[in-house]
Amino acid sequence: MWLEAILTERDIEHALRALAPIQLALGAYGSVLIESPSRVELVAGRGLRAVCPATVHGSLFGMDVPVSVAAASVFLEPLVAERSGEDALVFNVTLESIDVSALPHLAERAVVDAVNAALLRPENELVWDFRGTLSHTFPLPDVIRGVREVDVAVAWGELRVTKDALVFAVSIHAAGRGDDALIVVAPMRQPSR
């Protein structure tokens, strides 16, 4: 069996707007406050780009004053990858560019590089254990005879990004447990990876 989620560009923009503002703590470098996106675009085969106003705080510039960024381009690359021996949905986040008219291009590049160095640390990785989240055992009421519970377990997932949508599908295995039997419902197809 398959469970598929289809997120359009508009769905993703709505979700990002609901989450904003987001503050990225960058340790000794300070922080970046990212506001609601002014633009979101899907990049087929890669991920999504969000352009947002932002405020950079801390010693990224050698001073402790906030610097407003008219447009920060943030790229999120989602992928299904193995973490702790199981499939997980991982979001690689990269700051592509910032637009600060008060700073020379060289200083802007230094800020982008410092932010990306902090985002690349393993402890800052955005990971969703979708198998653990979506797998569940459902007890059935006494009115149903022969089956006491249904186990739903996510086996693996696949992800694709088109110019129109981000599509995430998971393969689900289900089993019913009864007094004397185990009834298994297996998936129709195997992973294509």
N, C-alpha and C. Protein backbone atom coordinates (compact mmCIF):
# COMPACT_ATOMS: atom_id res chain seq x y z
N MET A 1 0.84 -1.17 0.00
CA MET A 1 0.00 0.00 0.00
C MET A 1 0.89 1.24 0.00
N TRP A 2 0.36 2.29 -0.55
CA TRP A 2 1.09 3.55 -0.62
C TRP A 2 0.29 4.65 0.05
N LEU A 3 0.99 5.53 0.74
CA LEU A 3 0.41 6.76 1.25
C LEU A 3 1.22 7.87 0.61
N GLU A 4 0.54 8.79 -0.08
CA GLU A 4 1.25 9.82 -0.83
C GLU A 4 0.77 11.20 -0.42
N ALA A 5 1.73 12.10 -0.18
CA ALA A 5 1.42 13.49 0.12
C ALA A 5 1.92 14.34 -1.04
N ILE A 6 1.07 15.22 -1.54
CA ILE A 6 1.44 16.10 -2.64
C ILE A 6 1.32 17.53 -2.14
N LEU A 7 2.45 18.22 -2.10
CA LEU A 7 2.47 19.61 -1.65
C LEU A 7 2.77 20.51 -2.84
N THR A 8 1.83 21.39 -3.16
CA THR A 8 2.04 22.33 -4.25
C THR A 8 2.90 23.49 -3.75
N GLU A 9 3.35 24.30 -4.68
CA GLU A 9 4.12 25.50 -4.32
C GLU A 9 3.32 26.37 -3.36
N ARG A 10 2.04 26.50 -3.62
CA ARG A 10 1.17 27.31 -2.76
C ARG A 10 1.06 26.70 -1.35
N ASP A 11 0.93 25.36 -1.27
CA ASP A 11 0.88 24.69 0.03
C ASP A 11 2.14 24.96 0.84
N ILE A 12 3.28 24.85 0.17
CA ILE A 12 4.57 25.05 0.84
C ILE A 12 4.71 26.50 1.29
N GLU A 13 4.33 27.44 0.42
CA GLU A 13 4.40 28.86 0.79
C GLU A 13 3.52 29.14 2.00
N HIS A 14 2.32 28.58 2.02
CA HIS A 14 1.41 28.76 3.15
C HIS A 14 2.04 28.21 4.43
N ALA A 15 2.64 27.03 4.37
CA ALA A 15 3.27 26.41 5.54
C ALA A 15 4.45 27.25 6.03
N LEU A 16 5.28 27.74 5.11
CA LEU A 16 6.43 28.56 5.51
C LEU A 16 5.98 29.88 6.14
N ARG A 17 4.92 30.47 5.60
CA ARG A 17 4.39 31.71 6.18
C ARG A 17 3.87 31.47 7.60
N ALA A 18 3.25 30.30 7.81
CA ALA A 18 2.72 29.97 9.14
C ALA A 18 3.85 29.75 10.15
N LEU A 19 5.00 29.28 9.69
CA LEU A 19 6.14 29.01 10.58
C LEU A 19 6.97 30.25 10.89
N ALA A 20 6.91 31.26 10.02
CA ALA A 20 7.76 32.44 10.17
C ALA A 20 7.26 33.33 11.31
N PRO A 21 8.12 34.06 11.94
CA PRO A 21 9.57 34.11 11.70
C PRO A 21 10.30 32.91 12.34
N ILE A 22 11.41 32.54 11.73
CA ILE A 22 12.26 31.46 12.21
C ILE A 22 13.63 32.05 12.52
N GLN A 23 14.15 31.74 13.70
CA GLN A 23 15.48 32.22 14.06
C GLN A 23 16.46 31.06 14.02
N LEU A 24 17.56 31.24 13.28
CA LEU A 24 18.63 30.27 13.23
C LEU A 24 19.74 30.72 14.17
N ALA A 25 19.97 29.96 15.23
CA ALA A 25 21.06 30.27 16.16
C ALA A 25 22.34 29.73 15.58
N LEU A 26 23.35 30.57 15.46
CA LEU A 26 24.60 30.18 14.80
C LEU A 26 25.77 30.15 15.76
N GLY A 27 25.52 29.80 17.01
CA GLY A 27 26.60 29.67 18.00
C GLY A 27 27.34 30.97 18.18
N ALA A 28 28.65 30.92 18.07
CA ALA A 28 29.50 32.09 18.27
C ALA A 28 29.28 33.16 17.19
N TYR A 29 28.63 32.76 16.08
CA TYR A 29 28.43 33.71 14.98
C TYR A 29 27.21 34.60 15.17
N GLY A 30 26.35 34.30 16.11
CA GLY A 30 25.16 35.10 16.30
C GLY A 30 23.92 34.35 15.86
N SER A 31 23.03 35.04 15.13
CA SER A 31 21.80 34.40 14.67
C SER A 31 21.27 35.13 13.44
N VAL A 32 20.34 34.44 12.77
CA VAL A 32 19.65 35.03 11.62
C VAL A 32 18.17 34.84 11.84
N LEU A 33 17.40 35.92 11.78
CA LEU A 33 15.95 35.88 11.91
C LEU A 33 15.37 35.95 10.50
N ILE A 34 14.69 34.88 10.08
CA ILE A 34 14.12 34.81 8.72
C ILE A 34 12.62 35.07 8.82
N GLU A 35 12.16 36.06 8.04
CA GLU A 35 10.75 36.45 8.03
C GLU A 35 9.97 35.63 7.01
N SER A 36 8.66 35.90 6.88
CA SER A 36 7.82 35.21 5.90
C SER A 36 8.37 35.40 4.49
N PRO A 37 8.30 34.35 3.68
CA PRO A 37 8.85 34.46 2.33
C PRO A 37 8.06 35.42 1.46
N SER A 38 8.78 36.17 0.63
CA SER A 38 8.13 37.01 -0.37
C SER A 38 7.92 36.21 -1.65
N ARG A 39 8.69 35.10 -1.78
CA ARG A 39 8.57 34.26 -2.98
C ARG A 39 9.03 32.85 -2.62
N VAL A 40 8.31 31.86 -3.15
CA VAL A 40 8.69 30.45 -3.00
C VAL A 40 8.61 29.83 -4.38
N GLU A 41 9.64 29.04 -4.73
CA GLU A 41 9.60 28.36 -6.03
C GLU A 41 10.16 26.95 -5.88
N LEU A 42 9.51 26.01 -6.56
CA LEU A 42 10.01 24.64 -6.61
C LEU A 42 11.02 24.53 -7.74
N VAL A 43 12.08 23.82 -7.50
CA VAL A 43 13.12 23.58 -8.49
C VAL A 43 13.11 22.09 -8.79
N ALA A 44 12.62 21.73 -9.97
CA ALA A 44 12.43 20.32 -10.33
C ALA A 44 13.70 19.52 -10.12
N GLY A 45 13.52 18.36 -9.47
CA GLY A 45 14.63 17.45 -9.24
C GLY A 45 15.56 17.84 -8.11
N ARG A 46 15.32 19.00 -7.48
CA ARG A 46 16.25 19.49 -6.45
C ARG A 46 15.59 19.83 -5.13
N GLY A 47 14.59 20.71 -5.13
CA GLY A 47 14.01 21.15 -3.87
C GLY A 47 13.23 22.43 -4.04
N LEU A 48 13.34 23.32 -3.03
CA LEU A 48 12.61 24.57 -3.12
C LEU A 48 13.45 25.74 -2.62
N ARG A 49 13.17 26.87 -3.22
CA ARG A 49 13.86 28.11 -2.87
C ARG A 49 12.84 29.08 -2.29
N ALA A 50 13.22 29.70 -1.19
CA ALA A 50 12.38 30.72 -0.57
C ALA A 50 13.21 32.00 -0.46
N VAL A 51 12.63 33.10 -0.89
CA VAL A 51 13.28 34.40 -0.77
C VAL A 51 12.55 35.15 0.33
N CYS A 52 13.31 35.57 1.35
CA CYS A 52 12.72 36.16 2.54
C CYS A 52 13.52 37.36 3.01
N PRO A 53 12.84 38.35 3.60
CA PRO A 53 13.59 39.37 4.34
C PRO A 53 14.17 38.71 5.59
N ALA A 54 15.28 39.22 6.07
CA ALA A 54 15.92 38.62 7.25
C ALA A 54 16.67 39.69 8.03
N THR A 55 17.01 39.35 9.26
CA THR A 55 17.85 40.22 10.09
C THR A 55 18.98 39.36 10.65
N VAL A 56 20.21 39.82 10.42
CA VAL A 56 21.39 39.11 10.92
C VAL A 56 21.84 39.80 12.20
N HIS A 57 22.02 39.01 13.27
CA HIS A 57 22.47 39.53 14.57
C HIS A 57 23.83 38.93 14.92
N GLY A 58 24.62 39.70 15.67
CA GLY A 58 25.83 39.13 16.26
C GLY A 58 27.11 39.54 15.57
N SER A 59 28.12 38.70 15.75
CA SER A 59 29.47 39.05 15.33
C SER A 59 29.80 38.62 13.92
N LEU A 60 28.78 38.32 13.11
CA LEU A 60 29.06 37.98 11.72
C LEU A 60 29.75 39.14 11.00
N PHE A 61 29.51 40.34 11.46
CA PHE A 61 30.08 41.52 10.82
C PHE A 61 31.16 42.16 11.70
N GLY A 62 31.53 41.51 12.78
CA GLY A 62 32.52 42.07 13.68
C GLY A 62 31.93 43.09 14.64
N MET A 63 30.61 43.20 14.66
CA MET A 63 29.93 44.11 15.59
C MET A 63 28.63 43.46 16.02
N ASP A 64 28.12 43.92 17.14
CA ASP A 64 26.90 43.33 17.70
C ASP A 64 25.68 44.19 17.43
N VAL A 65 25.42 44.50 16.18
CA VAL A 65 24.23 45.25 15.81
C VAL A 65 23.48 44.46 14.74
N PRO A 66 22.15 44.54 14.76
CA PRO A 66 21.39 43.82 13.72
C PRO A 66 21.57 44.50 12.36
N VAL A 67 21.64 43.68 11.33
CA VAL A 67 21.73 44.18 9.97
C VAL A 67 20.54 43.61 9.20
N SER A 68 19.74 44.50 8.61
CA SER A 68 18.57 44.05 7.84
C SER A 68 18.99 43.58 6.46
N VAL A 69 18.41 42.49 6.05
CA VAL A 69 18.67 41.90 4.74
C VAL A 69 17.37 41.99 3.94
N ALA A 70 17.42 42.71 2.82
CA ALA A 70 16.22 42.89 2.01
C ALA A 70 15.71 41.56 1.46
N ALA A 71 16.63 40.71 1.00
CA ALA A 71 16.23 39.42 0.43
C ALA A 71 17.31 38.39 0.70
N ALA A 72 16.95 37.37 1.46
CA ALA A 72 17.83 36.23 1.67
C ALA A 72 17.25 35.06 0.89
N SER A 73 18.05 34.43 0.06
CA SER A 73 17.60 33.29 -0.71
C SER A 73 18.04 32.02 0.01
N VAL A 74 17.04 31.24 0.47
CA VAL A 74 17.30 30.01 1.23
C VAL A 74 16.84 28.83 0.38
N PHE A 75 17.71 27.82 0.26
CA PHE A 75 17.36 26.64 -0.53
C PHE A 75 17.21 25.44 0.38
N LEU A 76 16.07 24.74 0.28
CA LEU A 76 15.82 23.52 1.04
C LEU A 76 15.82 22.35 0.07
N GLU A 77 16.73 21.41 0.31
CA GLU A 77 16.80 20.22 -0.53
C GLU A 77 16.33 19.02 0.29
N PRO A 78 15.10 18.54 0.04
CA PRO A 78 14.62 17.37 0.77
C PRO A 78 15.10 16.10 0.10
N LEU A 79 15.42 15.08 0.91
CA LEU A 79 15.80 13.79 0.36
C LEU A 79 15.54 12.70 1.38
N VAL A 80 15.29 11.50 0.88
CA VAL A 80 15.16 10.35 1.76
C VAL A 80 16.55 9.76 1.88
N ALA A 81 17.04 9.68 3.12
CA ALA A 81 18.40 9.20 3.37
C ALA A 81 18.39 8.31 4.61
N GLU A 82 19.39 7.48 4.72
CA GLU A 82 19.48 6.60 5.87
C GLU A 82 20.08 7.33 7.07
N ARG A 83 19.37 7.26 8.17
CA ARG A 83 19.84 7.81 9.44
C ARG A 83 19.58 6.74 10.50
N SER A 84 20.60 6.39 11.26
CA SER A 84 20.50 5.35 12.30
C SER A 84 19.95 4.04 11.73
N GLY A 85 20.35 3.72 10.50
CA GLY A 85 19.97 2.46 9.88
C GLY A 85 18.58 2.42 9.29
N GLU A 86 17.85 3.52 9.30
CA GLU A 86 16.48 3.57 8.79
C GLU A 86 16.32 4.76 7.84
N ASP A 87 15.34 4.66 6.94
CA ASP A 87 15.02 5.80 6.08
C ASP A 87 14.48 6.95 6.90
N ALA A 88 14.89 8.15 6.56
CA ALA A 88 14.40 9.37 7.19
C ALA A 88 14.30 10.44 6.11
N LEU A 89 13.47 11.45 6.36
CA LEU A 89 13.37 12.58 5.45
C LEU A 89 14.30 13.66 5.97
N VAL A 90 15.30 14.01 5.17
CA VAL A 90 16.33 14.97 5.56
C VAL A 90 16.17 16.23 4.71
N PHE A 91 16.27 17.38 5.35
CA PHE A 91 16.22 18.65 4.65
C PHE A 91 17.58 19.32 4.77
N ASN A 92 18.31 19.40 3.66
CA ASN A 92 19.55 20.16 3.64
C ASN A 92 19.19 21.62 3.39
N VAL A 93 19.63 22.50 4.27
CA VAL A 93 19.30 23.92 4.17
C VAL A 93 20.57 24.69 3.84
N THR A 94 20.49 25.53 2.81
CA THR A 94 21.63 26.34 2.39
C THR A 94 21.17 27.77 2.17
N LEU A 95 21.94 28.70 2.69
CA LEU A 95 21.72 30.11 2.38
C LEU A 95 22.46 30.39 1.07
N GLU A 96 21.71 30.70 0.00
CA GLU A 96 22.32 30.90 -1.31
C GLU A 96 22.92 32.30 -1.44
N SER A 97 22.15 33.30 -1.01
CA SER A 97 22.63 34.68 -1.15
C SER A 97 21.86 35.59 -0.22
N ILE A 98 22.43 36.77 0.01
CA ILE A 98 21.74 37.82 0.75
C ILE A 98 21.92 39.12 -0.01
N ASP A 99 20.98 40.02 0.17
CA ASP A 99 21.04 41.31 -0.49
C ASP A 99 21.08 42.39 0.59
N VAL A 100 22.29 42.85 0.87
CA VAL A 100 22.47 43.92 1.85
C VAL A 100 23.17 45.07 1.14
N SER A 101 22.43 46.12 0.86
CA SER A 101 22.99 47.23 0.08
C SER A 101 24.11 47.95 0.82
N ALA A 102 24.13 47.88 2.16
CA ALA A 102 25.16 48.59 2.93
C ALA A 102 26.50 47.85 2.97
N LEU A 103 26.53 46.62 2.49
CA LEU A 103 27.76 45.82 2.57
C LEU A 103 28.32 45.55 1.18
N PRO A 104 29.64 45.53 1.05
CA PRO A 104 30.23 45.13 -0.22
C PRO A 104 29.98 43.62 -0.45
N HIS A 105 30.07 43.20 -1.71
CA HIS A 105 29.80 41.81 -2.07
C HIS A 105 30.68 40.83 -1.28
N LEU A 106 31.92 41.20 -1.04
CA LEU A 106 32.84 40.33 -0.30
C LEU A 106 32.33 40.05 1.11
N ALA A 107 31.80 41.07 1.77
CA ALA A 107 31.25 40.90 3.13
C ALA A 107 29.98 40.04 3.09
N GLU A 108 29.14 40.24 2.07
CA GLU A 108 27.95 39.41 1.92
C GLU A 108 28.34 37.94 1.78
N ARG A 109 29.37 37.66 0.97
CA ARG A 109 29.82 36.28 0.76
C ARG A 109 30.34 35.68 2.06
N ALA A 110 31.03 36.50 2.88
CA ALA A 110 31.55 36.01 4.17
C ALA A 110 30.39 35.63 5.09
N VAL A 111 29.32 36.41 5.08
CA VAL A 111 28.14 36.11 5.91
C VAL A 111 27.49 34.80 5.43
N VAL A 112 27.29 34.69 4.13
CA VAL A 112 26.69 33.47 3.56
C VAL A 112 27.53 32.24 3.92
N ASP A 113 28.84 32.34 3.78
CA ASP A 113 29.72 31.21 4.10
C ASP A 113 29.67 30.85 5.58
N ALA A 114 29.62 31.86 6.47
CA ALA A 114 29.56 31.59 7.91
C ALA A 114 28.24 30.93 8.29
N VAL A 115 27.14 31.41 7.72
CA VAL A 115 25.83 30.81 8.01
C VAL A 115 25.79 29.36 7.52
N ASN A 116 26.28 29.12 6.28
CA ASN A 116 26.27 27.77 5.74
C ASN A 116 27.18 26.83 6.52
N ALA A 117 28.30 27.31 7.01
CA ALA A 117 29.18 26.48 7.84
C ALA A 117 28.44 26.02 9.10
N ALA A 118 27.65 26.91 9.69
CA ALA A 118 26.88 26.54 10.89
C ALA A 118 25.76 25.56 10.53
N LEU A 119 25.10 25.77 9.38
CA LEU A 119 24.00 24.90 8.97
C LEU A 119 24.47 23.49 8.62
N LEU A 120 25.73 23.36 8.17
CA LEU A 120 26.25 22.05 7.75
C LEU A 120 26.68 21.16 8.90
N ARG A 121 26.75 21.69 10.10
CA ARG A 121 27.14 20.85 11.24
C ARG A 121 26.12 19.73 11.42
N PRO A 122 26.58 18.50 11.67
CA PRO A 122 25.65 17.36 11.81
C PRO A 122 24.57 17.58 12.87
N GLU A 123 24.88 18.25 13.95
CA GLU A 123 23.89 18.46 15.01
C GLU A 123 22.79 19.44 14.58
N ASN A 124 22.98 20.17 13.48
CA ASN A 124 21.99 21.12 13.00
C ASN A 124 21.15 20.57 11.86
N GLU A 125 21.31 19.30 11.54
CA GLU A 125 20.58 18.70 10.43
C GLU A 125 19.09 18.59 10.75
N LEU A 126 18.25 18.91 9.78
CA LEU A 126 16.80 18.79 9.93
C LEU A 126 16.39 17.40 9.44
N VAL A 127 15.94 16.55 10.37
CA VAL A 127 15.62 15.16 10.04
C VAL A 127 14.24 14.82 10.60
N TRP A 128 13.42 14.16 9.77
CA TRP A 128 12.14 13.66 10.21
C TRP A 128 12.15 12.14 10.11
N ASP A 129 12.00 11.46 11.24
CA ASP A 129 11.88 10.01 11.28
C ASP A 129 10.43 9.67 10.92
N PHE A 130 10.13 9.71 9.62
CA PHE A 130 8.75 9.50 9.18
C PHE A 130 8.28 8.07 9.47
N ARG A 131 9.19 7.12 9.50
CA ARG A 131 8.79 5.73 9.80
C ARG A 131 8.23 5.65 11.22
N GLY A 132 8.94 6.27 12.16
CA GLY A 132 8.48 6.25 13.55
C GLY A 132 7.19 7.03 13.75
N THR A 133 7.07 8.15 13.04
CA THR A 133 5.89 9.00 13.18
C THR A 133 4.63 8.34 12.60
N LEU A 134 4.77 7.71 11.43
CA LEU A 134 3.60 7.20 10.73
C LEU A 134 3.25 5.75 11.06
N SER A 135 4.16 5.01 11.69
CA SER A 135 3.86 3.63 12.09
C SER A 135 3.08 3.64 13.40
N HIS A 136 2.07 2.77 13.49
CA HIS A 136 1.21 2.80 14.68
C HIS A 136 0.44 1.49 14.80
N THR A 137 0.11 1.12 16.01
CA THR A 137 -0.77 -0.02 16.27
C THR A 137 -2.12 0.52 16.72
N PHE A 138 -3.18 0.08 16.02
CA PHE A 138 -4.54 0.52 16.31
C PHE A 138 -5.31 -0.62 16.98
N PRO A 139 -5.66 -0.48 18.26
CA PRO A 139 -6.51 -1.51 18.88
C PRO A 139 -7.92 -1.39 18.31
N LEU A 140 -8.57 -2.52 18.12
CA LEU A 140 -9.92 -2.53 17.58
C LEU A 140 -10.92 -2.75 18.71
N PRO A 141 -12.13 -2.24 18.56
CA PRO A 141 -13.14 -2.40 19.62
C PRO A 141 -13.59 -3.86 19.73
N ASP A 142 -14.14 -4.20 20.88
CA ASP A 142 -14.59 -5.57 21.16
C ASP A 142 -15.67 -6.05 20.20
N VAL A 143 -16.40 -5.14 19.57
CA VAL A 143 -17.45 -5.52 18.64
C VAL A 143 -16.88 -6.25 17.42
N ILE A 144 -15.62 -6.04 17.12
CA ILE A 144 -14.96 -6.73 16.01
C ILE A 144 -14.34 -8.01 16.55
N ARG A 145 -14.70 -9.13 15.98
CA ARG A 145 -14.21 -10.43 16.44
C ARG A 145 -13.13 -10.96 15.50
N GLY A 146 -12.18 -11.66 16.05
CA GLY A 146 -11.15 -12.33 15.24
C GLY A 146 -9.88 -11.51 15.07
N VAL A 147 -10.00 -10.18 15.09
CA VAL A 147 -8.82 -9.30 14.97
C VAL A 147 -8.85 -8.33 16.14
N ARG A 148 -7.79 -8.33 16.95
CA ARG A 148 -7.72 -7.45 18.12
C ARG A 148 -7.12 -6.09 17.80
N GLU A 149 -6.14 -6.09 16.88
CA GLU A 149 -5.45 -4.83 16.56
C GLU A 149 -4.90 -4.90 15.15
N VAL A 150 -4.63 -3.72 14.61
CA VAL A 150 -4.02 -3.60 13.29
C VAL A 150 -2.70 -2.85 13.46
N ASP A 151 -1.63 -3.47 12.99
CA ASP A 151 -0.31 -2.82 12.99
C ASP A 151 -0.07 -2.22 11.62
N VAL A 152 0.21 -0.93 11.58
CA VAL A 152 0.57 -0.24 10.35
C VAL A 152 2.03 0.18 10.50
N ALA A 153 2.87 -0.32 9.59
CA ALA A 153 4.30 -0.01 9.67
C ALA A 153 4.77 0.55 8.34
N VAL A 154 5.46 1.68 8.40
CA VAL A 154 6.04 2.28 7.20
C VAL A 154 7.37 1.60 6.93
N ALA A 155 7.53 1.09 5.71
CA ALA A 155 8.74 0.35 5.35
C ALA A 155 9.82 1.29 4.80
N TRP A 156 9.46 2.17 3.89
CA TRP A 156 10.42 3.07 3.27
C TRP A 156 9.66 4.19 2.57
N GLY A 157 10.39 5.19 2.10
CA GLY A 157 9.76 6.32 1.44
C GLY A 157 10.50 6.74 0.20
N GLU A 158 9.81 7.46 -0.67
CA GLU A 158 10.41 8.04 -1.87
C GLU A 158 9.94 9.49 -1.97
N LEU A 159 10.77 10.31 -2.58
CA LEU A 159 10.47 11.73 -2.70
C LEU A 159 10.82 12.18 -4.10
N ARG A 160 10.00 13.05 -4.67
CA ARG A 160 10.37 13.68 -5.94
C ARG A 160 9.85 15.12 -5.93
N VAL A 161 10.59 15.95 -6.61
CA VAL A 161 10.23 17.37 -6.72
C VAL A 161 10.07 17.69 -8.20
N THR A 162 8.91 18.22 -8.55
CA THR A 162 8.67 18.68 -9.90
C THR A 162 8.53 20.20 -9.86
N LYS A 163 8.31 20.81 -10.99
CA LYS A 163 8.12 22.27 -11.01
C LYS A 163 6.79 22.66 -10.38
N ASP A 164 5.88 21.68 -10.23
CA ASP A 164 4.55 21.95 -9.70
C ASP A 164 4.30 21.48 -8.28
N ALA A 165 5.06 20.46 -7.82
CA ALA A 165 4.75 19.89 -6.50
C ALA A 165 5.94 19.11 -5.93
N LEU A 166 5.90 19.00 -4.62
CA LEU A 166 6.80 18.11 -3.90
C LEU A 166 5.94 16.90 -3.53
N VAL A 167 6.37 15.71 -3.95
CA VAL A 167 5.58 14.49 -3.75
C VAL A 167 6.37 13.55 -2.85
N PHE A 168 5.76 13.16 -1.74
CA PHE A 168 6.39 12.26 -0.79
C PHE A 168 5.48 11.05 -0.63
N ALA A 169 6.02 9.86 -0.93
CA ALA A 169 5.23 8.63 -0.84
C ALA A 169 5.92 7.66 0.11
N VAL A 170 5.11 6.95 0.89
CA VAL A 170 5.66 5.94 1.79
C VAL A 170 4.97 4.61 1.51
N SER A 171 5.73 3.54 1.64
CA SER A 171 5.21 2.19 1.50
C SER A 171 4.76 1.72 2.88
N ILE A 172 3.52 1.23 2.94
CA ILE A 172 2.95 0.82 4.23
C ILE A 172 2.67 -0.68 4.21
N HIS A 173 3.08 -1.33 5.26
CA HIS A 173 2.76 -2.73 5.49
C HIS A 173 1.75 -2.76 6.64
N ALA A 174 0.73 -3.58 6.50
CA ALA A 174 -0.26 -3.68 7.56
C ALA A 174 -0.43 -5.14 7.96
N ALA A 175 -0.68 -5.35 9.22
CA ALA A 175 -0.92 -6.70 9.73
C ALA A 175 -2.02 -6.62 10.80
N GLY A 176 -2.94 -7.56 10.70
CA GLY A 176 -3.97 -7.67 11.72
C GLY A 176 -3.59 -8.78 12.68
N ARG A 177 -3.71 -8.54 13.97
CA ARG A 177 -3.39 -9.56 14.97
C ARG A 177 -4.69 -10.00 15.64
N GLY A 178 -4.90 -11.32 15.56
CA GLY A 178 -6.08 -11.89 16.19
C GLY A 178 -5.68 -12.88 17.26
N ASP A 179 -6.66 -13.56 17.79
CA ASP A 179 -6.38 -14.55 18.83
C ASP A 179 -5.52 -15.69 18.30
N ASP A 180 -5.79 -16.11 17.06
CA ASP A 180 -5.08 -17.27 16.52
C ASP A 180 -4.33 -16.99 15.24
N ALA A 181 -4.32 -15.76 14.76
CA ALA A 181 -3.75 -15.54 13.42
C ALA A 181 -3.06 -14.20 13.30
N LEU A 182 -2.16 -14.13 12.33
CA LEU A 182 -1.51 -12.89 11.91
C LEU A 182 -1.83 -12.75 10.43
N ILE A 183 -2.53 -11.69 10.06
CA ILE A 183 -2.93 -11.45 8.67
C ILE A 183 -2.08 -10.30 8.16
N VAL A 184 -1.28 -10.54 7.11
CA VAL A 184 -0.37 -9.51 6.60
C VAL A 184 -0.86 -9.00 5.28
N VAL A 185 -0.85 -7.68 5.12
CA VAL A 185 -1.15 -7.03 3.84
C VAL A 185 0.16 -6.40 3.38
N ALA A 186 0.76 -6.97 2.35
CA ALA A 186 2.08 -6.52 1.87
C ALA A 186 1.91 -5.46 0.81
N PRO A 187 2.95 -4.64 0.57
CA PRO A 187 2.88 -3.60 -0.45
C PRO A 187 2.85 -4.22 -1.84
N MET A 188 2.30 -3.48 -2.81
CA MET A 188 2.17 -3.97 -4.18
C MET A 188 3.48 -3.94 -4.95
N ARG A 189 4.36 -2.96 -4.66
CA ARG A 189 5.62 -2.89 -5.41
C ARG A 189 6.77 -2.58 -4.48
N GLN A 190 7.95 -2.87 -4.94
CA GLN A 190 9.16 -2.68 -4.15
C GLN A 190 9.80 -1.34 -4.49
N PRO A 191 10.75 -0.88 -3.65
CA PRO A 191 11.39 0.41 -3.92
C PRO A 191 12.13 0.39 -5.25
N SER A 192 12.15 1.54 -5.90
CA SER A 192 12.80 1.66 -7.20
C SER A 192 14.20 2.22 -7.10
N ARG A 193 14.73 2.31 -5.90
CA ARG A 193 16.05 2.92 -5.77
C ARG A 193 17.13 1.94 -5.91
